[in-house]
ModelCIF file with pLDDT and N, C-alpha, C, O atoms, coordinates in Angstrom:
data_MODEL
#
_entry.id   MODEL 
#
_entity.id                         1 
_entity.type                       polymer 
_entity.pdbx_number_of_molecules   1 
#
_entity_poly.entity_id                      1 
_entity_poly.type                           'polypeptide(L)' 
_entity_poly.nstd_linkage                   no 
_entity_poly.nstd_monomer                   no 
_entity_poly.pdbx_seq_one_letter_code       
;(UNK)(UNK)(UNK)(UNK)(UNK)(UNK)(UNK)(UNK)(UNK)(UNK)(UNK)(UNK)(UNK)(UNK)(UNK)(UNK)
(UNK)(UNK)(UNK)(UNK)(UNK)(UNK)(UNK)(UNK)(UNK)(UNK)(UNK)(UNK)(UNK)(UNK)(UNK)(UNK)
(UNK)(UNK)(UNK)(UNK)
;
_entity_poly.pdbx_seq_one_letter_code_can   XXXXXXXXXXXXXXXXXXXXXXXXXXXXXXXXXXXX 
_entity_poly.pdbx_strand_id                 A 
#
loop_
_entity_poly_seq.entity_id 
_entity_poly_seq.num 
_entity_poly_seq.mon_id 
_entity_poly_seq.hetero 
1 1  UNK n 
1 2  UNK n 
1 3  UNK n 
1 4  UNK n 
1 5  UNK n 
1 6  UNK n 
1 7  UNK n 
1 8  UNK n 
1 9  UNK n 
1 10 UNK n 
1 11 UNK n 
1 12 UNK n 
1 13 UNK n 
1 14 UNK n 
1 15 UNK n 
1 16 UNK n 
1 17 UNK n 
1 18 UNK n 
1 19 UNK n 
1 20 UNK n 
1 21 UNK n 
1 22 UNK n 
1 23 UNK n 
1 24 UNK n 
1 25 UNK n 
1 26 UNK n 
1 27 UNK n 
1 28 UNK n 
1 29 UNK n 
1 30 UNK n 
1 31 UNK n 
1 32 UNK n 
1 33 UNK n 
1 34 UNK n 
1 35 UNK n 
1 36 UNK n 
#
_struct_asym.id          A 
_struct_asym.entity_id   1 
#
loop_
_ma_qa_metric.id 
_ma_qa_metric.mode 
_ma_qa_metric.name 
_ma_qa_metric.software_group_id 
_ma_qa_metric.type 
1 global pLDDT . pLDDT 
2 local  pLDDT . pLDDT 
#
_ma_qa_metric_global.metric_id      1 
_ma_qa_metric_global.metric_value   89.72 
_ma_qa_metric_global.model_id       1 
_ma_qa_metric_global.ordinal_id     1 
#
loop_
_ma_qa_metric_local.label_asym_id 
_ma_qa_metric_local.label_comp_id 
_ma_qa_metric_local.label_seq_id 
_ma_qa_metric_local.metric_id 
_ma_qa_metric_local.metric_value 
_ma_qa_metric_local.model_id 
_ma_qa_metric_local.ordinal_id 
A UNK 1  2 92.00 1 1  
A UNK 2  2 89.00 1 2  
A UNK 3  2 89.00 1 3  
A UNK 4  2 90.00 1 4  
A UNK 5  2 91.00 1 5  
A UNK 6  2 91.00 1 6  
A UNK 7  2 92.00 1 7  
A UNK 8  2 92.00 1 8  
A UNK 9  2 92.00 1 9  
A UNK 10 2 93.00 1 10 
A UNK 11 2 93.00 1 11 
A UNK 12 2 92.00 1 12 
A UNK 13 2 92.00 1 13 
A UNK 14 2 93.00 1 14 
A UNK 15 2 91.00 1 15 
A UNK 16 2 91.00 1 16 
A UNK 17 2 91.00 1 17 
A UNK 18 2 90.00 1 18 
A UNK 19 2 93.00 1 19 
A UNK 20 2 93.00 1 20 
A UNK 21 2 93.00 1 21 
A UNK 22 2 92.00 1 22 
A UNK 23 2 93.00 1 23 
A UNK 24 2 91.00 1 24 
A UNK 25 2 91.00 1 25 
A UNK 26 2 88.00 1 26 
A UNK 27 2 78.00 1 27 
A UNK 28 2 74.00 1 28 
A UNK 29 2 78.00 1 29 
A UNK 30 2 81.00 1 30 
A UNK 31 2 85.00 1 31 
A UNK 32 2 88.00 1 32 
A UNK 33 2 89.00 1 33 
A UNK 34 2 92.00 1 34 
A UNK 35 2 92.00 1 35 
A UNK 36 2 95.00 1 36 
#
loop_
_atom_site.group_PDB 
_atom_site.id 
_atom_site.type_symbol 
_atom_site.label_atom_id 
_atom_site.label_alt_id 
_atom_site.label_comp_id 
_atom_site.label_asym_id 
_atom_site.label_entity_id 
_atom_site.label_seq_id 
_atom_site.pdbx_PDB_ins_code 
_atom_site.Cartn_x 
_atom_site.Cartn_y 
_atom_site.Cartn_z 
_atom_site.occupancy 
_atom_site.B_iso_or_equiv 
_atom_site.pdbx_formal_charge 
_atom_site.auth_seq_id 
_atom_site.auth_comp_id 
_atom_site.auth_asym_id 
_atom_site.auth_atom_id 
_atom_site.pdbx_PDB_model_num 
ATOM 1   N N  . UNK A 1 1  ? -5.596  4.786  -19.213 1.00 92.00 ? 1  UNK A N  1 
ATOM 2   C CA . UNK A 1 1  ? -4.203  4.813  -18.764 1.00 92.00 ? 1  UNK A CA 1 
ATOM 3   C C  . UNK A 1 1  ? -3.495  5.977  -19.464 1.00 92.00 ? 1  UNK A C  1 
ATOM 4   O O  . UNK A 1 1  ? -3.642  6.169  -20.671 1.00 92.00 ? 1  UNK A O  1 
ATOM 5   N N  . UNK A 1 2  ? -2.730  6.746  -18.696 1.00 89.00 ? 2  UNK A N  1 
ATOM 6   C CA . UNK A 1 2  ? -1.984  7.848  -19.289 1.00 89.00 ? 2  UNK A CA 1 
ATOM 7   C C  . UNK A 1 2  ? -1.174  8.589  -18.253 1.00 89.00 ? 2  UNK A C  1 
ATOM 8   O O  . UNK A 1 2  ? -1.136  8.210  -17.082 1.00 89.00 ? 2  UNK A O  1 
ATOM 9   N N  . UNK A 1 3  ? -0.528  9.647  -18.695 1.00 89.00 ? 3  UNK A N  1 
ATOM 10  C CA . UNK A 1 3  ? 0.207   10.485 -17.748 1.00 89.00 ? 3  UNK A CA 1 
ATOM 11  C C  . UNK A 1 3  ? -0.666  11.680 -17.368 1.00 89.00 ? 3  UNK A C  1 
ATOM 12  O O  . UNK A 1 3  ? -1.721  11.908 -17.960 1.00 89.00 ? 3  UNK A O  1 
ATOM 13  N N  . UNK A 1 4  ? -0.218  12.423 -16.388 1.00 90.00 ? 4  UNK A N  1 
ATOM 14  C CA . UNK A 1 4  ? -1.013  13.527 -15.848 1.00 90.00 ? 4  UNK A CA 1 
ATOM 15  C C  . UNK A 1 4  ? -1.345  14.573 -16.904 1.00 90.00 ? 4  UNK A C  1 
ATOM 16  O O  . UNK A 1 4  ? -2.466  15.080 -16.946 1.00 90.00 ? 4  UNK A O  1 
ATOM 17  N N  . UNK A 1 5  ? -0.378  14.899 -17.755 1.00 91.00 ? 5  UNK A N  1 
ATOM 18  C CA . UNK A 1 5  ? -0.587  15.906 -18.792 1.00 91.00 ? 5  UNK A CA 1 
ATOM 19  C C  . UNK A 1 5  ? -1.665  15.450 -19.789 1.00 91.00 ? 5  UNK A C  1 
ATOM 20  O O  . UNK A 1 5  ? -2.554  16.222 -20.149 1.00 91.00 ? 5  UNK A O  1 
ATOM 21  N N  . UNK A 1 6  ? -1.574  14.198 -20.225 1.00 91.00 ? 6  UNK A N  1 
ATOM 22  C CA . UNK A 1 6  ? -2.543  13.663 -21.187 1.00 91.00 ? 6  UNK A CA 1 
ATOM 23  C C  . UNK A 1 6  ? -3.959  13.664 -20.600 1.00 91.00 ? 6  UNK A C  1 
ATOM 24  O O  . UNK A 1 6  ? -4.918  14.037 -21.277 1.00 91.00 ? 6  UNK A O  1 
ATOM 25  N N  . UNK A 1 7  ? -4.079  13.246 -19.345 1.00 92.00 ? 7  UNK A N  1 
ATOM 26  C CA . UNK A 1 7  ? -5.396  13.161 -18.701 1.00 92.00 ? 7  UNK A CA 1 
ATOM 27  C C  . UNK A 1 7  ? -5.982  14.558 -18.507 1.00 92.00 ? 7  UNK A C  1 
ATOM 28  O O  . UNK A 1 7  ? -7.180  14.762 -18.703 1.00 92.00 ? 7  UNK A O  1 
ATOM 29  N N  . UNK A 1 8  ? -5.152  15.507 -18.128 1.00 92.00 ? 8  UNK A N  1 
ATOM 30  C CA . UNK A 1 8  ? -5.620  16.887 -17.957 1.00 92.00 ? 8  UNK A CA 1 
ATOM 31  C C  . UNK A 1 8  ? -6.134  17.439 -19.285 1.00 92.00 ? 8  UNK A C  1 
ATOM 32  O O  . UNK A 1 8  ? -7.182  18.083 -19.337 1.00 92.00 ? 8  UNK A O  1 
ATOM 33  N N  . UNK A 1 9  ? -5.390  17.181 -20.349 1.00 92.00 ? 9  UNK A N  1 
ATOM 34  C CA . UNK A 1 9  ? -5.808  17.639 -21.684 1.00 92.00 ? 9  UNK A CA 1 
ATOM 35  C C  . UNK A 1 9  ? -7.124  16.973 -22.102 1.00 92.00 ? 9  UNK A C  1 
ATOM 36  O O  . UNK A 1 9  ? -8.013  17.624 -22.652 1.00 92.00 ? 9  UNK A O  1 
ATOM 37  N N  . UNK A 1 10 ? -7.232  15.677 -21.835 1.00 93.00 ? 10 UNK A N  1 
ATOM 38  C CA . UNK A 1 10 ? -8.448  14.933 -22.170 1.00 93.00 ? 10 UNK A CA 1 
ATOM 39  C C  . UNK A 1 10 ? -9.647  15.486 -21.401 1.00 93.00 ? 10 UNK A C  1 
ATOM 40  O O  . UNK A 1 10 ? -10.732 15.634 -21.963 1.00 93.00 ? 10 UNK A O  1 
ATOM 41  N N  . UNK A 1 11 ? -9.452  15.789 -20.127 1.00 93.00 ? 11 UNK A N  1 
ATOM 42  C CA . UNK A 1 11 ? -10.538 16.366 -19.315 1.00 93.00 ? 11 UNK A CA 1 
ATOM 43  C C  . UNK A 1 11 ? -10.981 17.712 -19.866 1.00 93.00 ? 11 UNK A C  1 
ATOM 44  O O  . UNK A 1 11 ? -12.174 18.014 -19.890 1.00 93.00 ? 11 UNK A O  1 
ATOM 45  N N  . UNK A 1 12 ? -10.027 18.521 -20.306 1.00 92.00 ? 12 UNK A N  1 
ATOM 46  C CA . UNK A 1 12 ? -10.380 19.832 -20.890 1.00 92.00 ? 12 UNK A CA 1 
ATOM 47  C C  . UNK A 1 12 ? -11.165 19.648 -22.186 1.00 92.00 ? 12 UNK A C  1 
ATOM 48  O O  . UNK A 1 12 ? -12.130 20.371 -22.435 1.00 92.00 ? 12 UNK A O  1 
ATOM 49  N N  . UNK A 1 13 ? -10.757 18.680 -23.015 1.00 92.00 ? 13 UNK A N  1 
ATOM 50  C CA . UNK A 1 13 ? -11.476 18.415 -24.262 1.00 92.00 ? 13 UNK A CA 1 
ATOM 51  C C  . UNK A 1 13 ? -12.897 17.933 -23.970 1.00 92.00 ? 13 UNK A C  1 
ATOM 52  O O  . UNK A 1 13 ? -13.844 18.351 -24.637 1.00 92.00 ? 13 UNK A O  1 
ATOM 53  N N  . UNK A 1 14 ? -13.047 17.060 -22.982 1.00 93.00 ? 14 UNK A N  1 
ATOM 54  C CA . UNK A 1 14 ? -14.376 16.566 -22.609 1.00 93.00 ? 14 UNK A CA 1 
ATOM 55  C C  . UNK A 1 14 ? -15.264 17.710 -22.130 1.00 93.00 ? 14 UNK A C  1 
ATOM 56  O O  . UNK A 1 14 ? -16.443 17.771 -22.478 1.00 93.00 ? 14 UNK A O  1 
ATOM 57  N N  . UNK A 1 15 ? -14.704 18.608 -21.340 1.00 91.00 ? 15 UNK A N  1 
ATOM 58  C CA . UNK A 1 15 ? -15.515 19.704 -20.798 1.00 91.00 ? 15 UNK A CA 1 
ATOM 59  C C  . UNK A 1 15 ? -16.009 20.650 -21.890 1.00 91.00 ? 15 UNK A C  1 
ATOM 60  O O  . UNK A 1 15 ? -16.959 21.401 -21.668 1.00 91.00 ? 15 UNK A O  1 
ATOM 61  N N  . UNK A 1 16 ? -15.380 20.625 -23.066 1.00 91.00 ? 16 UNK A N  1 
ATOM 62  C CA . UNK A 1 16 ? -15.815 21.475 -24.182 1.00 91.00 ? 16 UNK A CA 1 
ATOM 63  C C  . UNK A 1 16 ? -17.038 20.908 -24.905 1.00 91.00 ? 16 UNK A C  1 
ATOM 64  O O  . UNK A 1 16 ? -17.710 21.635 -25.636 1.00 91.00 ? 16 UNK A O  1 
ATOM 65  N N  . UNK A 1 17 ? -17.336 19.623 -24.712 1.00 91.00 ? 17 UNK A N  1 
ATOM 66  C CA . UNK A 1 17 ? -18.528 19.041 -25.343 1.00 91.00 ? 17 UNK A CA 1 
ATOM 67  C C  . UNK A 1 17 ? -19.770 19.704 -24.762 1.00 91.00 ? 17 UNK A C  1 
ATOM 68  O O  . UNK A 1 17 ? -19.855 19.905 -23.550 1.00 91.00 ? 17 UNK A O  1 
ATOM 69  N N  . UNK A 1 18 ? -20.724 20.042 -25.604 1.00 90.00 ? 18 UNK A N  1 
ATOM 70  C CA . UNK A 1 18 ? -21.914 20.781 -25.172 1.00 90.00 ? 18 UNK A CA 1 
ATOM 71  C C  . UNK A 1 18 ? -22.732 20.046 -24.120 1.00 90.00 ? 18 UNK A C  1 
ATOM 72  O O  . UNK A 1 18 ? -23.261 20.678 -23.205 1.00 90.00 ? 18 UNK A O  1 
ATOM 73  N N  . UNK A 1 19 ? -22.846 18.744 -24.227 1.00 93.00 ? 19 UNK A N  1 
ATOM 74  C CA . UNK A 1 19 ? -23.695 17.994 -23.314 1.00 93.00 ? 19 UNK A CA 1 
ATOM 75  C C  . UNK A 1 19 ? -23.004 17.650 -21.993 1.00 93.00 ? 19 UNK A C  1 
ATOM 76  O O  . UNK A 1 19 ? -23.633 17.091 -21.094 1.00 93.00 ? 19 UNK A O  1 
ATOM 77  N N  . UNK A 1 20 ? -21.728 17.979 -21.871 1.00 93.00 ? 20 UNK A N  1 
ATOM 78  C CA . UNK A 1 20 ? -20.982 17.699 -20.639 1.00 93.00 ? 20 UNK A CA 1 
ATOM 79  C C  . UNK A 1 20 ? -21.202 18.840 -19.649 1.00 93.00 ? 20 UNK A C  1 
ATOM 80  O O  . UNK A 1 20 ? -21.021 20.012 -19.978 1.00 93.00 ? 20 UNK A O  1 
ATOM 81  N N  . UNK A 1 21 ? -21.594 18.477 -18.442 1.00 93.00 ? 21 UNK A N  1 
ATOM 82  C CA . UNK A 1 21 ? -21.845 19.454 -17.378 1.00 93.00 ? 21 UNK A CA 1 
ATOM 83  C C  . UNK A 1 21 ? -20.584 19.665 -16.546 1.00 93.00 ? 21 UNK A C  1 
ATOM 84  O O  . UNK A 1 21 ? -20.253 20.793 -16.182 1.00 93.00 ? 21 UNK A O  1 
ATOM 85  N N  . UNK A 1 22 ? -19.875 18.558 -16.244 1.00 92.00 ? 22 UNK A N  1 
ATOM 86  C CA . UNK A 1 22 ? -18.727 18.634 -15.355 1.00 92.00 ? 22 UNK A CA 1 
ATOM 87  C C  . UNK A 1 22 ? -17.814 17.434 -15.578 1.00 92.00 ? 22 UNK A C  1 
ATOM 88  O O  . UNK A 1 22 ? -18.274 16.352 -15.941 1.00 92.00 ? 22 UNK A O  1 
ATOM 89  N N  . UNK A 1 23 ? -16.504 17.638 -15.356 1.00 93.00 ? 23 UNK A N  1 
ATOM 90  C CA . UNK A 1 23 ? -15.522 16.566 -15.480 1.00 93.00 ? 23 UNK A CA 1 
ATOM 91  C C  . UNK A 1 23 ? -14.626 16.595 -14.247 1.00 93.00 ? 23 UNK A C  1 
ATOM 92  O O  . UNK A 1 23 ? -14.184 17.663 -13.824 1.00 93.00 ? 23 UNK A O  1 
ATOM 93  N N  . UNK A 1 24 ? -14.361 15.441 -13.677 1.00 91.00 ? 24 UNK A N  1 
ATOM 94  C CA . UNK A 1 24 ? -13.504 15.323 -12.509 1.00 91.00 ? 24 UNK A CA 1 
ATOM 95  C C  . UNK A 1 24 ? -12.480 14.221 -12.767 1.00 91.00 ? 24 UNK A C  1 
ATOM 96  O O  . UNK A 1 24 ? -12.851 13.128 -13.195 1.00 91.00 ? 24 UNK A O  1 
ATOM 97  N N  . UNK A 1 25 ? -11.208 14.486 -12.517 1.00 91.00 ? 25 UNK A N  1 
ATOM 98  C CA . UNK A 1 25 ? -10.154 13.486 -12.674 1.00 91.00 ? 25 UNK A CA 1 
ATOM 99  C C  . UNK A 1 25 ? -9.913  12.852 -11.312 1.00 91.00 ? 25 UNK A C  1 
ATOM 100 O O  . UNK A 1 25 ? -9.600  13.544 -10.343 1.00 91.00 ? 25 UNK A O  1 
ATOM 101 N N  . UNK A 1 26 ? -10.060 11.528 -11.242 1.00 88.00 ? 26 UNK A N  1 
ATOM 102 C CA . UNK A 1 26 ? -9.885  10.818 -9.975  1.00 88.00 ? 26 UNK A CA 1 
ATOM 103 C C  . UNK A 1 26 ? -8.752  9.807  -10.077 1.00 88.00 ? 26 UNK A C  1 
ATOM 104 O O  . UNK A 1 26 ? -8.599  9.132  -11.094 1.00 88.00 ? 26 UNK A O  1 
ATOM 105 N N  . UNK A 1 27 ? -7.965  9.710  -9.022  1.00 78.00 ? 27 UNK A N  1 
ATOM 106 C CA . UNK A 1 27 ? -6.953  8.655  -8.919  1.00 78.00 ? 27 UNK A CA 1 
ATOM 107 C C  . UNK A 1 27 ? -7.366  7.762  -7.761  1.00 78.00 ? 27 UNK A C  1 
ATOM 108 O O  . UNK A 1 27 ? -8.285  8.093  -7.012  1.00 78.00 ? 27 UNK A O  1 
ATOM 109 N N  . UNK A 1 28 ? -6.699  6.649  -7.615  1.00 74.00 ? 28 UNK A N  1 
ATOM 110 C CA . UNK A 1 28 ? -7.016  5.720  -6.528  1.00 74.00 ? 28 UNK A CA 1 
ATOM 111 C C  . UNK A 1 28 ? -6.845  6.331  -5.153  1.00 74.00 ? 28 UNK A C  1 
ATOM 112 O O  . UNK A 1 28 ? -7.548  5.954  -4.215  1.00 74.00 ? 28 UNK A O  1 
ATOM 113 N N  . UNK A 1 29 ? -5.912  7.279  -5.020  1.00 78.00 ? 29 UNK A N  1 
ATOM 114 C CA . UNK A 1 29 ? -5.630  7.875  -3.719  1.00 78.00 ? 29 UNK A CA 1 
ATOM 115 C C  . UNK A 1 29 ? -6.705  8.867  -3.269  1.00 78.00 ? 29 UNK A C  1 
ATOM 116 O O  . UNK A 1 29 ? -6.965  8.996  -2.072  1.00 78.00 ? 29 UNK A O  1 
ATOM 117 N N  . UNK A 1 30 ? -7.327  9.562  -4.215  1.00 81.00 ? 30 UNK A N  1 
ATOM 118 C CA . UNK A 1 30 ? -8.264  10.621 -3.846  1.00 81.00 ? 30 UNK A CA 1 
ATOM 119 C C  . UNK A 1 30 ? -9.729  10.237 -4.044  1.00 81.00 ? 30 UNK A C  1 
ATOM 120 O O  . UNK A 1 30 ? -10.614 11.092 -4.010  1.00 81.00 ? 30 UNK A O  1 
ATOM 121 N N  . UNK A 1 31 ? -9.976  8.942  -4.252  1.00 85.00 ? 31 UNK A N  1 
ATOM 122 C CA . UNK A 1 31 ? -11.358 8.527  -4.521  1.00 85.00 ? 31 UNK A CA 1 
ATOM 123 C C  . UNK A 1 31 ? -11.633 7.125  -3.987  1.00 85.00 ? 31 UNK A C  1 
ATOM 124 O O  . UNK A 1 31 ? -10.723 6.369  -3.649  1.00 85.00 ? 31 UNK A O  1 
ATOM 125 N N  . UNK A 1 32 ? -12.904 6.816  -3.927  1.00 88.00 ? 32 UNK A N  1 
ATOM 126 C CA . UNK A 1 32 ? -13.365 5.470  -3.606  1.00 88.00 ? 32 UNK A CA 1 
ATOM 127 C C  . UNK A 1 32 ? -13.829 4.865  -4.922  1.00 88.00 ? 32 UNK A C  1 
ATOM 128 O O  . UNK A 1 32 ? -14.724 5.401  -5.577  1.00 88.00 ? 32 UNK A O  1 
ATOM 129 N N  . UNK A 1 33 ? -13.212 3.733  -5.314  1.00 89.00 ? 33 UNK A N  1 
ATOM 130 C CA . UNK A 1 33 ? -13.527 3.111  -6.597  1.00 89.00 ? 33 UNK A CA 1 
ATOM 131 C C  . UNK A 1 33 ? -13.913 1.650  -6.385  1.00 89.00 ? 33 UNK A C  1 
ATOM 132 O O  . UNK A 1 33 ? -13.273 0.927  -5.622  1.00 89.00 ? 33 UNK A O  1 
ATOM 133 N N  . UNK A 1 34 ? -14.973 1.233  -7.078  1.00 92.00 ? 34 UNK A N  1 
ATOM 134 C CA . UNK A 1 34 ? -15.438 -0.148 -6.962  1.00 92.00 ? 34 UNK A CA 1 
ATOM 135 C C  . UNK A 1 34 ? -15.943 -0.647 -8.312  1.00 92.00 ? 34 UNK A C  1 
ATOM 136 O O  . UNK A 1 34 ? -16.378 0.125  -9.166  1.00 92.00 ? 34 UNK A O  1 
ATOM 137 N N  . UNK A 1 35 ? -15.867 -1.969 -8.471  1.00 92.00 ? 35 UNK A N  1 
ATOM 138 C CA . UNK A 1 35 ? -16.362 -2.637 -9.664  1.00 92.00 ? 35 UNK A CA 1 
ATOM 139 C C  . UNK A 1 35 ? -17.086 -3.906 -9.224  1.00 92.00 ? 35 UNK A C  1 
ATOM 140 O O  . UNK A 1 35 ? -16.672 -4.561 -8.268  1.00 92.00 ? 35 UNK A O  1 
ATOM 141 N N  . UNK A 1 36 ? -18.157 -4.247 -9.913  1.00 95.00 ? 36 UNK A N  1 
ATOM 142 C CA . UNK A 1 36 ? -18.866 -5.502 -9.677  1.00 95.00 ? 36 UNK A CA 1 
ATOM 143 C C  . UNK A 1 36 ? -18.452 -6.487 -10.756 1.00 95.00 ? 36 UNK A C  1 
ATOM 144 O O  . UNK A 1 36 ? -18.922 -7.625 -10.767 1.00 95.00 ? 36 UNK A O  1 
#
């Protein structure tokens, strides 16, 4: 949970990790999300 600025910053920090290939920010409107 967060605001757009915080999530964008978090995604940039994640993308700096060496083992991370790609990061995508998804919201309910632009994605299909499911849980079992």
